[in-house]
PDB file of N, CA and C in Angstrom:
ATOM      1  N   MET A   1      11.139  82.756  14.528  1.00  0.00           N
ATOM      2  CA  MET A   1      11.495  80.690  14.330  1.00  0.00           C
ATOM      3  C   MET A   1      11.050  79.870  15.093  1.00  0.00           C
ATOM      4  N   ARG A   2      10.294  80.629  15.976  1.00  0.00           N
ATOM      5  CA  ARG A   2       9.458  79.638  17.039  1.00  0.00           C
ATOM      6  C   ARG A   2       8.518  79.425  16.038  1.00  0.00           C
ATOM      7  N   SER A   3       7.820  80.280  14.768  1.00  0.00           N
ATOM      8  CA  SER A   3       6.767  79.812  13.598  1.00  0.00           C
ATOM      9  C   SER A   3       7.366  78.770  12.746  1.00  0.00           C
ATOM     10  N   VAL A   4       8.570  78.858  12.737  1.00  0.00           N
ATOM     11  CA  VAL A   4       8.764  77.581  11.601  1.00  0.00           C
ATOM     12  C   VAL A   4       9.338  76.301  12.211  1.00  0.00           C
ATOM     13  N   TYR A   5       9.238  76.229  13.974  1.00  0.00           N
ATOM     14  CA  TYR A   5       9.111  75.241  14.459  1.00  0.00           C
ATOM     15  C   TYR A   5       7.939  74.624  14.723  1.00  0.00           C
ATOM     16  N   ILE A   6       7.312  74.947  14.721  1.00  0.00           N
ATOM     17  CA  ILE A   6       5.684  74.669  15.086  1.00  0.00           C
ATOM     18  C   ILE A   6       5.240  73.917  13.308  1.00  0.00           C
ATOM     19  N   VAL A   7       5.519  74.851  12.660  1.00  0.00           N
ATOM     20  CA  VAL A   7       4.618  74.459  11.251  1.00  0.00           C
ATOM     21  C   VAL A   7       5.599  72.982  10.655  1.00  0.00           C
ATOM     22  N   LEU A   8       7.088  73.219  10.970  1.00  0.00           N
ATOM     23  CA  LEU A   8       8.019  71.693  10.718  1.00  0.00           C
ATOM     24  C   LEU A   8       7.655  70.631  11.564  1.00  0.00           C
ATOM     25  N   SER A   9       6.656  70.965  13.011  1.00  0.00           N
ATOM     26  CA  SER A   9       6.471  69.982  13.931  1.00  0.00           C
ATOM     27  C   SER A   9       4.688  69.342  13.529  1.00  0.00           C
ATOM     28  N   ALA A  10       4.080  70.325  13.171  1.00  0.00           N
ATOM     29  CA  ALA A  10       2.781  70.182  12.756  1.00  0.00           C
ATOM     30  C   ALA A  10       2.815  69.449  11.218  1.00  0.00           C
ATOM     31  N   LEU A  11       3.911  69.498  10.217  1.00  0.00           N
ATOM     32  CA  LEU A  11       4.283  68.967   9.238  1.00  0.00           C
ATOM     33  C   LEU A  11       4.350  67.453   9.730  1.00  0.00           C
ATOM     34  N   PHE A  12       5.490  67.630  10.820  1.00  0.00           N
ATOM     35  CA  PHE A  12       6.222  66.234  10.655  1.00  0.00           C
ATOM     36  C   PHE A  12       4.735  65.006  11.374  1.00  0.00           C
ATOM     37  N   VAL A  13       4.189  65.814  12.576  1.00  0.00           N
ATOM     38  CA  VAL A  13       2.956  64.743  12.706  1.00  0.00           C
ATOM     39  C   VAL A  13       2.080  64.316  11.640  1.00  0.00           C
ATOM     40  N   MET A  14       1.616  65.443  10.403  1.00  0.00           N
ATOM     41  CA  MET A  14       1.304  64.514   9.380  1.00  0.00           C
ATOM     42  C   MET A  14       1.703  63.765   8.773  1.00  0.00           C
ATOM     43  N   GLY A  15       3.033  63.920   8.669  1.00  0.00           N
ATOM     44  CA  GLY A  15       3.646  62.913   7.919  1.00  0.00           C
ATOM     45  C   GLY A  15       3.384  61.623   8.841  1.00  0.00           C
ATOM     46  N   LEU A  16       3.396  61.821   9.893  1.00  0.00           N
ATOM     47  CA  LEU A  16       3.464  60.023  10.902  1.00  0.00           C
ATOM     48  C   LEU A  16       1.927  59.664  10.995  1.00  0.00           C
ATOM     49  N   ALA A  17       0.971  60.779  10.318  1.00  0.00           N
ATOM     50  CA  ALA A  17      -0.137  60.134  10.213  1.00  0.00           C
ATOM     51  C   ALA A  17      -0.655  59.567   8.981  1.00  0.00           C
ATOM     52  N   VAL A  18      -0.152  59.807   8.189  1.00  0.00           N
ATOM     53  CA  VAL A  18       0.086  59.668   7.052  1.00  0.00           C
ATOM     54  C   VAL A  18       0.574  58.279   6.586  1.00  0.00           C
ATOM     55  N   TRP A  19       1.934  57.907   7.270  1.00  0.00           N
ATOM     56  CA  TRP A  19       2.704  56.997   7.607  1.00  0.00           C
ATOM     57  C   TRP A  19       1.616  55.604   8.349  1.00  0.00           C
ATOM     58  N   ALA A  20       1.338  56.543   9.358  1.00  0.00           N
ATOM     59  CA  ALA A  20       0.268  54.968  10.391  1.00  0.00           C
ATOM     60  C   ALA A  20      -1.098  54.523   9.593  1.00  0.00           C
ATOM     61  N   TYR A  21      -1.671  56.078   8.915  1.00  0.00           N
ATOM     62  CA  TYR A  21      -2.701  55.071   7.914  1.00  0.00           C
ATOM     63  C   TYR A  21      -2.485  54.314   6.945  1.00  0.00           C
ATOM     64  N   LYS A  22      -0.855  53.814   6.473  1.00  0.00           N
ATOM     65  CA  LYS A  22      -1.010  53.681   5.437  1.00  0.00           C
ATOM     66  C   LYS A  22      -0.503  51.705   5.653  1.00  0.00           C
ATOM     67  N   GLU A  23       0.700  52.000   7.020  1.00  0.00           N
ATOM     68  CA  GLU A  23       0.706  51.322   8.011  1.00  0.00           C
ATOM     69  C   GLU A  23      -0.732  50.007   8.352  1.00  0.00           C
ATOM     70  N   ASN A  24      -1.647  51.185   8.376  1.00  0.00           N
ATOM     71  CA  ASN A  24      -3.132  50.209   8.767  1.00  0.00           C
ATOM     72  C   ASN A  24      -3.394  49.065   8.160  1.00  0.00           C
ATOM     73  N   TYR A  25      -3.587  49.887   6.857  1.00  0.00           N
ATOM     74  CA  TYR A  25      -3.791  49.239   5.565  1.00  0.00           C
ATOM     75  C   TYR A  25      -3.484  48.296   5.671  1.00  0.00           C
ATOM     76  N   ALA A  26      -1.981  48.334   5.399  1.00  0.00           N
ATOM     77  CA  ALA A  26      -0.937  47.230   4.916  1.00  0.00           C
ATOM     78  C   ALA A  26      -1.078  46.196   5.880  1.00  0.00           C
ATOM     79  N   THR A  27      -1.701  46.679   7.154  1.00  0.00           N
ATOM     80  CA  THR A  27      -1.469  45.212   8.175  1.00  0.00           C
ATOM     81  C   THR A  27      -2.934  44.504   8.037  1.00  0.00           C
ATOM     82  N   GLN A  28      -4.099  45.523   7.871  1.00  0.00           N
ATOM     83  CA  GLN A  28      -5.436  44.749   7.341  1.00  0.00           C
ATOM     84  C   GLN A  28      -4.926  43.724   6.256  1.00  0.00           C
ATOM     85  N   GLU A  29      -4.479  44.146   5.206  1.00  0.00           N
ATOM     86  CA  GLU A  29      -4.231  43.433   3.858  1.00  0.00           C
ATOM     87  C   GLU A  29      -3.465  42.233   4.388  1.00  0.00           C
ATOM     88  N   VAL A  30      -2.463  42.066   5.123  1.00  0.00           N
ATOM     89  CA  VAL A  30      -1.522  40.887   5.464  1.00  0.00           C
ATOM     90  C   VAL A  30      -2.313  40.388   6.182  1.00  0.00           C
ATOM     91  N   LEU A  31      -3.328  40.722   7.220  1.00  0.00           N
ATOM     92  CA  LEU A  31      -4.264  39.806   7.744  1.00  0.00           C
ATOM     93  C   LEU A  31      -5.030  39.477   7.482  1.00  0.00           C
ATOM     94  N   ARG A  32      -5.696  39.837   6.037  1.00  0.00           N
ATOM     95  CA  ARG A  32      -6.802  39.047   4.713  1.00  0.00           C
ATOM     96  C   ARG A  32      -6.120  38.182   4.467  1.00  0.00           C
ATOM     97  N   ASN A  33      -5.114  38.437   3.813  1.00  0.00           N
ATOM     98  CA  ASN A  33      -4.109  37.306   3.214  1.00  0.00           C
ATOM     99  C   ASN A  33      -3.874  35.889   4.284  1.00  0.00           C
ATOM    100  N   VAL A  34      -3.575  36.244   5.644  1.00  0.00           N
ATOM    101  CA  VAL A  34      -2.900  35.054   6.820  1.00  0.00           C
ATOM    102  C   VAL A  34      -4.447  34.159   6.652  1.00  0.00           C
ATOM    103  N   SER A  35      -5.772  34.906   6.970  1.00  0.00           N
ATOM    104  CA  SER A  35      -6.564  34.016   6.960  1.00  0.00           C
ATOM    105  C   SER A  35      -7.085  33.550   6.106  1.00  0.00           C
ATOM    106  N   GLN A  36      -6.734  34.248   4.883  1.00  0.00           N
ATOM    107  CA  GLN A  36      -7.518  33.223   3.678  1.00  0.00           C
ATOM    108  C   GLN A  36      -6.272  32.258   3.497  1.00  0.00           C
ATOM    109  N   VAL A  37      -5.408  32.151   3.446  1.00  0.00           N
ATOM    110  CA  VAL A  37      -3.921  31.006   3.835  1.00  0.00           C
ATOM    111  C   VAL A  37      -4.302  30.291   4.679  1.00  0.00           C
ATOM    112  N   GLN A  38      -4.866  30.543   5.937  1.00  0.00           N
ATOM    113  CA  GLN A  38      -5.503  29.557   6.903  1.00  0.00           C
ATOM    114  C   GLN A  38      -6.476  28.895   6.358  1.00  0.00           C
ATOM    115  N   ARG A  39      -7.614  29.520   6.008  1.00  0.00           N
ATOM    116  CA  ARG A  39      -8.010  28.565   5.221  1.00  0.00           C
ATOM    117  C   ARG A  39      -8.006  27.615   4.392  1.00  0.00           C
ATOM    118  N   GLU A  40      -7.163  27.951   3.287  1.00  0.00           N
ATOM    119  CA  GLU A  40      -6.528  26.921   2.383  1.00  0.00           C
ATOM    120  C   GLU A  40      -6.005  26.161   2.578  1.00  0.00           C
ATOM    121  N   ILE A  41      -5.579  26.044   3.928  1.00  0.00           N
ATOM    122  CA  ILE A  41      -4.620  25.481   4.576  1.00  0.00           C
ATOM    123  C   ILE A  41      -5.947  24.086   5.303  1.00  0.00           C
ATOM    124  N   GLY A  42      -6.775  24.484   5.800  1.00  0.00           N
ATOM    125  CA  GLY A  42      -7.858  23.988   6.485  1.00  0.00           C
ATOM    126  C   GLY A  42      -8.657  22.556   5.521  1.00  0.00           C
ATOM    127  N   HIS A  43      -8.846  23.495   4.298  1.00  0.00           N
ATOM    128  CA  HIS A  43      -9.220  23.224   2.817  1.00  0.00           C
ATOM    129  C   HIS A  43      -8.474  21.425   2.784  1.00  0.00           C
ATOM    130  N   GLN A  44      -7.140  21.860   2.422  1.00  0.00           N
ATOM    131  CA  GLN A  44      -6.177  20.731   2.034  1.00  0.00           C
ATOM    132  C   GLN A  44      -6.395  19.602   2.913  1.00  0.00           C
ATOM    133  N   GLY A  45      -5.992  20.314   4.308  1.00  0.00           N
ATOM    134  CA  GLY A  45      -6.295  19.347   5.475  1.00  0.00           C
ATOM    135  C   GLY A  45      -7.578  18.088   5.553  1.00  0.00           C
ATOM    136  N   GLU A  46      -8.905  19.046   5.239  1.00  0.00           N
ATOM    137  CA  GLU A  46      -9.524  18.022   4.633  1.00  0.00           C
ATOM    138  C   GLU A  46      -9.636  16.993   3.551  1.00  0.00           C
ATOM    139  N   GLU A  47      -8.992  17.439   2.689  1.00  0.00           N
ATOM    140  CA  GLU A  47      -8.778  16.444   1.555  1.00  0.00           C
ATOM    141  C   GLU A  47      -7.879  15.858   1.573  1.00  0.00           C
ATOM    142  N   LEU A  48      -7.141  15.958   2.545  1.00  0.00           N
ATOM    143  CA  LEU A  48      -5.953  14.754   2.904  1.00  0.00           C
ATOM    144  C   LEU A  48      -6.368  13.897   3.367  1.00  0.00           C
ATOM    145  N   ALA A  49      -7.557  14.493   4.453  1.00  0.00           N
ATOM    146  CA  ALA A  49      -8.242  12.861   5.716  1.00  0.00           C
ATOM    147  C   ALA A  49      -8.911  12.636   4.425  1.00  0.00           C
ATOM    148  N   VAL A  50      -9.603  13.120   3.749  1.00  0.00           N
ATOM    149  CA  VAL A  50     -10.355  12.461   2.727  1.00  0.00           C
ATOM    150  C   VAL A  50      -9.387  11.128   1.880  1.00  0.00           C
ATOM    151  N   LEU A  51      -8.542  11.764   0.972  1.00  0.00           N
ATOM    152  CA  LEU A  51      -7.472  10.963   0.719  1.00  0.00           C
ATOM    153  C   LEU A  51      -6.975   9.674   0.896  1.00  0.00           C
ATOM    154  N   ARG A  52      -6.355   9.846   2.151  1.00  0.00           N
ATOM    155  CA  ARG A  52      -6.174   9.159   3.295  1.00  0.00           C
ATOM    156  C   ARG A  52      -6.658   8.110   3.415  1.00  0.00           C
ATOM    157  N   ALA A  53      -8.120   7.846   3.804  1.00  0.00           N
ATOM    158  CA  ALA A  53      -9.404   7.407   3.699  1.00  0.00           C
ATOM    159  C   ALA A  53      -9.758   6.400   3.007  1.00  0.00           C
ATOM    160  N   GLU A  54      -9.758   7.175   1.519  1.00  0.00           N
ATOM    161  CA  GLU A  54     -10.047   6.420   0.654  1.00  0.00           C
ATOM    162  C   GLU A  54      -8.364   5.357   0.096  1.00  0.00           C
ATOM    163  N   TRP A  55      -7.375   5.915   0.623  1.00  0.00           N
ATOM    164  CA  TRP A  55      -6.288   4.874   0.325  1.00  0.00           C
ATOM    165  C   TRP A  55      -6.379   3.765   1.621  1.00  0.00           C
ATOM    166  N   ALA A  56      -6.556   4.664   2.580  1.00  0.00           N
ATOM    167  CA  ALA A  56      -6.896   2.922   3.393  1.00  0.00           C
ATOM    168  C   ALA A  56      -8.458   1.538   3.089  1.00  0.00           C
ATOM    169  N   TYR A  57      -9.292   2.538   2.623  1.00  0.00           N
ATOM    170  CA  TYR A  57     -10.416   1.739   1.885  1.00  0.00           C
ATOM    171  C   TYR A  57      -9.494   0.934   0.957  1.00  0.00           C
ATOM    172  N   LEU A  58      -9.252   1.287  -0.373  1.00  0.00           N
ATOM    173  CA  LEU A  58      -8.574   0.657  -1.563  1.00  0.00           C
ATOM    174  C   LEU A  58      -7.275  -0.558  -1.074  1.00  0.00           C
ATOM    175  N   ASN A  59      -6.811   0.072   0.318  1.00  0.00           N
ATOM    176  CA  ASN A  59      -6.042  -1.027   0.279  1.00  0.00           C
ATOM    177  C   ASN A  59      -6.688  -2.135   1.537  1.00  0.00           C
ATOM    178  N   ARG A  60      -7.302  -1.790   1.768  1.00  0.00           N
ATOM    179  CA  ARG A  60      -8.167  -3.288   2.912  1.00  0.00           C
ATOM    180  C   ARG A  60      -7.684  -4.471   2.582  1.00  0.00           C
ATOM    181  N   PRO A  61      -6.368  -5.208   2.823  1.00  0.00           N
ATOM    182  CA  PRO A  61      -6.471  -6.826   3.176  1.00  0.00           C
ATOM    183  C   PRO A  61      -7.052  -7.663   2.282  1.00  0.00           C
ATOM    184  N   SER A  62      -8.927  -7.655   2.138  1.00  0.00           N
ATOM    185  CA  SER A  62      -9.464  -8.351   1.841  1.00  0.00           C
ATOM    186  C   SER A  62     -10.085  -8.147  -0.402  1.00  0.00           C
ATOM    187  N   ARG A  63      -9.998  -6.288  -0.153  1.00  0.00           N
ATOM    188  CA  ARG A  63     -10.055  -6.039  -1.032  1.00  0.00           C
ATOM    189  C   ARG A  63      -8.360  -6.423  -2.369  1.00  0.00           C
ATOM    190  N   LEU A  64      -7.950  -6.236  -1.376  1.00  0.00           N
ATOM    191  CA  LEU A  64      -6.618  -6.874  -2.589  1.00  0.00           C
ATOM    192  C   LEU A  64      -6.176  -8.376  -2.571  1.00  0.00           C
ATOM    193  N   ARG A  65      -6.573  -9.240  -2.074  1.00  0.00           N
ATOM    194  CA  ARG A  65      -6.586 -10.306  -1.912  1.00  0.00           C
ATOM    195  C   ARG A  65      -7.737 -11.154  -2.857  1.00  0.00           C
ATOM    196  N   ASP A  66      -8.638 -10.679  -3.030  1.00  0.00           N
ATOM    197  CA  ASP A  66      -9.867 -10.637  -4.168  1.00  0.00           C
ATOM    198  C   ASP A  66      -8.642  -9.887  -5.687  1.00  0.00           C
ATOM    199  N   LEU A  67      -8.372  -9.082  -5.487  1.00  0.00           N
ATOM    200  CA  LEU A  67      -8.166  -8.130  -6.815  1.00  0.00           C
ATOM    201  C   LEU A  67      -7.412  -9.618  -7.177  1.00  0.00           C
ATOM    202  N   ALA A  68      -5.926  -9.839  -6.177  1.00  0.00           N
ATOM    203  CA  ALA A  68      -4.966 -10.711  -6.688  1.00  0.00           C
ATOM    204  C   ALA A  68      -5.597 -12.291  -7.082  1.00  0.00           C
ATOM    205  N   GLU A  69      -6.945 -12.693  -6.353  1.00  0.00           N
ATOM    206  CA  GLU A  69      -7.248 -13.574  -6.930  1.00  0.00           C
ATOM    207  C   GLU A  69      -7.879 -13.836  -8.091  1.00  0.00           C
ATOM    208  N   LEU A  70      -8.429 -12.490  -8.857  1.00  0.00           N
ATOM    209  CA  LEU A  70      -9.361 -12.282 -10.091  1.00  0.00           C
ATOM    210  C   LEU A  70      -8.299 -12.249 -10.873  1.00  0.00           C
ATOM    211  N   ASN A  71      -6.891 -11.704 -10.997  1.00  0.00           N
ATOM    212  CA  ASN A  71      -6.264 -11.221 -11.853  1.00  0.00           C
ATOM    213  C   ASN A  71      -4.933 -12.188 -11.984  1.00  0.00           C
ATOM    214  N   PHE A  72      -5.239 -13.515 -11.087  1.00  0.00           N
ATOM    215  CA  PHE A  72      -4.278 -14.365 -11.135  1.00  0.00           C
ATOM    216  C   PHE A  72      -3.695 -14.524 -12.309  1.00  0.00           C
ATOM    217  N   ASP A  73      -4.212 -15.317 -13.164  1.00  0.00           N
ATOM    218  CA  ASP A  73      -3.471 -15.553 -14.589  1.00  0.00           C
ATOM    219  C   ASP A  73      -3.013 -14.515 -15.688  1.00  0.00           C
ATOM    220  N   ARG A  74      -2.917 -13.023 -15.219  1.00  0.00           N
ATOM    221  CA  ARG A  74      -2.417 -11.953 -15.856  1.00  0.00           C
ATOM    222  C   ARG A  74      -1.114 -11.385 -15.520  1.00  0.00           C
ATOM    223  N   LEU A  75      -1.288 -11.420 -13.712  1.00  0.00           N
ATOM    224  CA  LEU A  75      -0.108 -10.973 -12.787  1.00  0.00           C
ATOM    225  C   LEU A  75       0.539 -12.154 -12.342  1.00  0.00           C
ATOM    226  N   GLY A  76      -0.180 -13.276 -12.232  1.00  0.00           N
ATOM    227  CA  GLY A  76       0.593 -14.158 -11.301  1.00  0.00           C
ATOM    228  C   GLY A  76       0.989 -14.348  -9.459  1.00  0.00           C
ATOM    229  N   LEU A  77       0.027 -13.582  -9.062  1.00  0.00           N
ATOM    230  CA  LEU A  77       0.346 -12.825  -7.623  1.00  0.00           C
ATOM    231  C   LEU A  77       0.032 -13.612  -6.669  1.00  0.00           C
ATOM    232  N   LEU A  78       0.721 -14.035  -5.900  1.00  0.00           N
ATOM    233  CA  LEU A  78       0.345 -15.261  -4.987  1.00  0.00           C
ATOM    234  C   LEU A  78       0.225 -14.403  -3.165  1.00  0.00           C
ATOM    235  N   PRO A  79      -0.637 -14.771  -2.668  1.00  0.00           N
ATOM    236  CA  PRO A  79      -0.489 -14.228  -0.769  1.00  0.00           C
ATOM    237  C   PRO A  79       0.178 -14.611  -0.635  1.00  0.00           C
ATOM    238  N   LEU A  80       0.750 -13.332   0.430  1.00  0.00           N
ATOM    239  CA  LEU A  80       2.199 -13.625   1.340  1.00  0.00           C
ATOM    240  C   LEU A  80       1.609 -14.750   2.232  1.00  0.00           C
ATOM    241  N   MET A  81       2.245 -15.771   2.841  1.00  0.00           N
ATOM    242  CA  MET A  81       2.418 -16.783   3.399  1.00  0.00           C
ATOM    243  C   MET A  81       3.481 -16.996   5.049  1.00  0.00           C
ATOM    244  N   PRO A  82       3.333 -16.650   6.066  1.00  0.00           N
ATOM    245  CA  PRO A  82       4.667 -16.762   6.989  1.00  0.00           C
ATOM    246  C   PRO A  82       5.691 -17.349   6.235  1.00  0.00           C
ATOM    247  N   GLU A  83       5.523 -18.823   5.737  1.00  0.00           N
ATOM    248  CA  GLU A  83       6.420 -19.450   5.541  1.00  0.00           C
ATOM    249  C   GLU A  83       7.435 -19.080   4.495  1.00  0.00           C
ATOM    250  N   GLN A  84       6.686 -17.844   3.529  1.00  0.00           N
ATOM    251  CA  GLN A  84       7.863 -16.949   2.821  1.00  0.00           C
ATOM    252  C   GLN A  84       8.756 -16.264   3.481  1.00  0.00           C
ATOM    253  N   PHE A  85       8.670 -16.157   5.210  1.00  0.00           N
ATOM    254  CA  PHE A  85       9.753 -14.994   5.652  1.00  0.00           C
ATOM    255  C   PHE A  85      10.899 -16.037   6.114  1.00  0.00           C
ATOM    256  N   GLY A  86      11.961 -15.733   6.180  1.00  0.00           N
ATOM    257  CA  GLY A  86      13.250 -15.868   6.418  1.00  0.00           C
ATOM    258  C   GLY A  86      13.549 -15.383   7.779  1.00  0.00           C
ATOM    259  N   THR A  87      14.253 -16.698   8.521  1.00  0.00           N
ATOM    260  CA  THR A  87      15.025 -15.583   9.990  1.00  0.00           C
ATOM    261  C   THR A  87      16.443 -14.983   9.586  1.00  0.00           C
ATOM    262  N   VAL A  88      16.843 -14.026  10.714  1.00  0.00           N
ATOM    263  CA  VAL A  88      17.703 -13.564  10.894  1.00  0.00           C
ATOM    264  C   VAL A  88      19.111 -14.569  10.341  1.00  0.00           C
ATOM    265  N   GLU A  89      19.053 -15.881  10.848  1.00  0.00           N
ATOM    266  CA  GLU A  89      20.359 -16.718  10.703  1.00  0.00           C
ATOM    267  C   GLU A  89      20.390 -17.064   9.254  1.00  0.00           C
ATOM    268  N   GLN A  90      19.042 -16.674   8.650  1.00  0.00           N
ATOM    269  CA  GLN A  90      19.661 -16.984   7.156  1.00  0.00           C
ATOM    270  C   GLN A  90      20.150 -16.330   6.133  1.00  0.00           C
ATOM    271  N   VAL A  91      20.292 -14.906   7.025  1.00  0.00           N
ATOM    272  CA  VAL A  91      20.424 -13.570   5.433  1.00  0.00           C
ATOM    273  C   VAL A  91      22.005 -14.032   5.572  1.00  0.00           C
ATOM    274  N   ASN A  92      22.612 -13.699   4.208  1.00  0.00           N
ATOM    275  CA  ASN A  92      23.843 -13.403   4.299  1.00  0.00           C
ATOM    276  C   ASN A  92      24.282 -12.182   4.360  1.00  0.00           C
ATOM    277  N   PHE A  93      24.973 -11.736   5.665  1.00  0.00           N
ATOM    278  CA  PHE A  93      25.549 -10.421   5.810  1.00  0.00           C
ATOM    279  C   PHE A  93      26.919 -10.243   4.822  1.00  0.00           C
ATOM    280  N   PRO A  94      27.404  -8.993   4.661  1.00  0.00           N
ATOM    281  CA  PRO A  94      28.536  -9.175   3.710  1.00  0.00           C
ATOM    282  C   PRO A  94      30.060  -9.188   5.007  1.00  0.00           C
ATOM    283  N   ILE A  95      31.176  -9.780   4.483  1.00  0.00           N
ATOM    284  CA  ILE A  95      31.996  -9.750   5.598  1.00  0.00           C
ATOM    285  C   ILE A  95      32.576  -8.541   5.723  1.00  0.00           C
ATOM    286  N   GLU A  96      32.623  -7.967   7.006  1.00  0.00           N
ATOM    287  CA  GLU A  96      33.397  -7.045   7.549  1.00  0.00           C
ATOM    288  C   GLU A  96      35.090  -7.496   7.042  1.00  0.00           C
ATOM    289  N   GLU A  97      35.487  -6.618   5.874  1.00  0.00           N
ATOM    290  CA  GLU A  97      36.992  -6.368   5.627  1.00  0.00           C
ATOM    291  C   GLU A  97      38.097  -5.399   5.766  1.00  0.00           C
ATOM    292  N   ASP A  98      38.762  -4.840   6.166  1.00  0.00           N
ATOM    293  CA  ASP A  98      39.475  -4.586   7.181  1.00  0.00           C
ATOM    294  C   ASP A  98      39.273  -3.200   5.642  1.00  0.00           C
ATOM    295  N   ILE A  99      39.004  -2.238   6.189  1.00  0.00           N
ATOM    296  CA  ILE A  99      39.091  -0.861   5.222  1.00  0.00           C
ATOM    297  C   ILE A  99      40.714  -0.762   4.673  1.00  0.00           C
ATOM    298  N   LEU A 100      41.599  -0.450   5.828  1.00  0.00           N
ATOM    299  CA  LEU A 100      42.396  -0.320   5.468  1.00  0.00           C
ATOM    300  C   LEU A 100      43.859  -1.304   4.471  1.00  0.00           C
ATOM    301  N   SER A 101      43.149  -2.230   4.661  1.00  0.00           N
ATOM    302  CA  SER A 101      44.052  -3.219   3.653  1.00  0.00           C
ATOM    303  C   SER A 101      43.747  -2.690   1.928  1.00  0.00           C
ATOM    304  N   GLU A 102      42.521  -1.858   1.660  1.00  0.00           N
ATOM    305  CA  GLU A 102      42.308  -1.078   0.682  1.00  0.00           C
ATOM    306  C   GLU A 102      43.170  -0.218  -0.158  1.00  0.00           C
ATOM    307  N   LEU A 103      43.696   0.465   0.698  1.00  0.00           N
ATOM    308  CA  LEU A 103      44.312   1.941   0.718  1.00  0.00           C
ATOM    309  C   LEU A 103      45.883   1.420  -0.209  1.00  0.00           C
ATOM    310  N   GLU A 104      45.757   2.220  -1.414  1.00  0.00           N
ATOM    311  CA  GLU A 104      47.087   1.410  -2.071  1.00  0.00           C
ATOM    312  C   GLU A 104      48.263   2.440  -1.782  1.00  0.00           C
ATOM    313  N   ASN A 105      47.849   3.135  -1.148  1.00  0.00           N
ATOM    314  CA  ASN A 105      49.488   4.316  -0.955  1.00  0.00           C
ATOM    315  C   ASN A 105      49.080   4.489   0.825  1.00  0.00           C
ATOM    316  N   PRO A 106      49.166   3.922   1.843  1.00  0.00           N
ATOM    317  CA  PRO A 106      48.945   4.494   3.066  1.00  0.00           C
ATOM    318  C   PRO A 106      50.169   5.093   3.269  1.00  0.00           C
ATOM    319  N   VAL A 107      49.231   6.407   4.701  1.00  0.00           N
ATOM    320  CA  VAL A 107      50.076   7.887   4.753  1.00  0.00           C
ATOM    321  C   VAL A 107      50.711   7.680   6.393  1.00  0.00           C
ATOM    322  N   SER A 108      51.605   7.328   6.656  1.00  0.00           N
ATOM    323  CA  SER A 108      51.996   7.325   8.448  1.00  0.00           C
ATOM    324  C   SER A 108      51.152   8.870   8.845  1.00  0.00           C
ATOM    325  N   VAL A 109      51.005   8.871   9.852  1.00  0.00           N
ATOM    326  CA  VAL A 109      50.858  10.826  10.516  1.00  0.00           C
ATOM    327  C   VAL A 109      50.815  10.436  11.718  1.00  0.00           C
ATOM    328  N   VAL A 110      51.676   9.380  12.534  1.00  0.00           N
ATOM    329  CA  VAL A 110      51.594   9.360  13.921  1.00  0.00           C
ATOM    330  C   VAL A 110      53.025  10.555  14.254  1.00  0.00           C
ATOM    331  N   GLY A 111      53.930  10.683  13.558  1.00  0.00           N
ATOM    332  CA  GLY A 111      54.898  11.351  13.788  1.00  0.00           C
ATOM    333  C   GLY A 111      54.870  12.789  13.397  1.00  0.00           C
ATOM    334  N   SER A 112      53.687  13.137  12.671  1.00  0.00           N
ATOM    335  CA  SER A 112      53.882  14.020  12.205  1.00  0.00           C
ATOM    336  C   SER A 112      53.160  15.480  13.106  1.00  0.00           C
ATOM    337  N   LEU A 113      52.224  15.047  14.160  1.00  0.00           N
ATOM    338  CA  LEU A 113      51.977  15.657  15.452  1.00  0.00           C
ATOM    339  C   LEU A 113      53.258  16.126  16.426  1.00  0.00           C
ATOM    340  N   GLU A 114      54.337  15.377  16.319  1.00  0.00           N
ATOM    341  CA  GLU A 114      55.298  15.964  17.077  1.00  0.00           C
ATOM    342  C   GLU A 114      56.724  17.197  16.635  1.00  0.00           C
ATOM    343  N   ALA A 115      56.024  17.381  14.892  1.00  0.00           N
ATOM    344  CA  ALA A 115      56.729  17.996  14.249  1.00  0.00           C
ATOM    345  C   ALA A 115      56.023  19.378  14.399  1.00  0.00           C
ATOM    346  N   ILE A 116      54.840  19.472  14.759  1.00  0.00           N
ATOM    347  CA  ILE A 116      54.086  20.756  14.578  1.00  0.00           C
ATOM    348  C   ILE A 116      54.464  21.296  15.924  1.00  0.00           C
ATOM    349  N   ASP A 117      54.293  20.585  17.229  1.00  0.00           N
ATOM    350  CA  ASP A 117      55.089  21.102  18.852  1.00  0.00           C
ATOM    351  C   ASP A 117      55.685  22.254  18.357  1.00  0.00           C
ATOM    352  N   PRO A 118      55.747  23.370  19.157  1.00  0.00           N
ATOM    353  CA  PRO A 118      57.372  24.237  18.883  1.00  0.00           C
ATOM    354  C   PRO A 118      58.383  23.668  19.914  1.00  0.00           C
TER     355      PRO A 118
END
């Protein structure tokens, strides 16, 4: 009976060794994938920085002003002037109406709480 326990223990230890071996290689594969994803994130960040720099370069006010003047006949764009903006007092805000007056069949719930109490 003792030899059966020894054989079972040896098989159990060998099974654990195989499991640890597989887990080790699976972990190494995942670590390689993580490092590859981190490299891709770094490259994407660099690309994004370049695109932001290009966007800032293309949207320079002097360049846009020159383009508007160059294409005035076709587009009719005018430069923005401070006189074109209004003040808050000139804005027509919507009139606040009483929402309850818009309801067609209002229901009163004032007395319903008293009916619930035991």
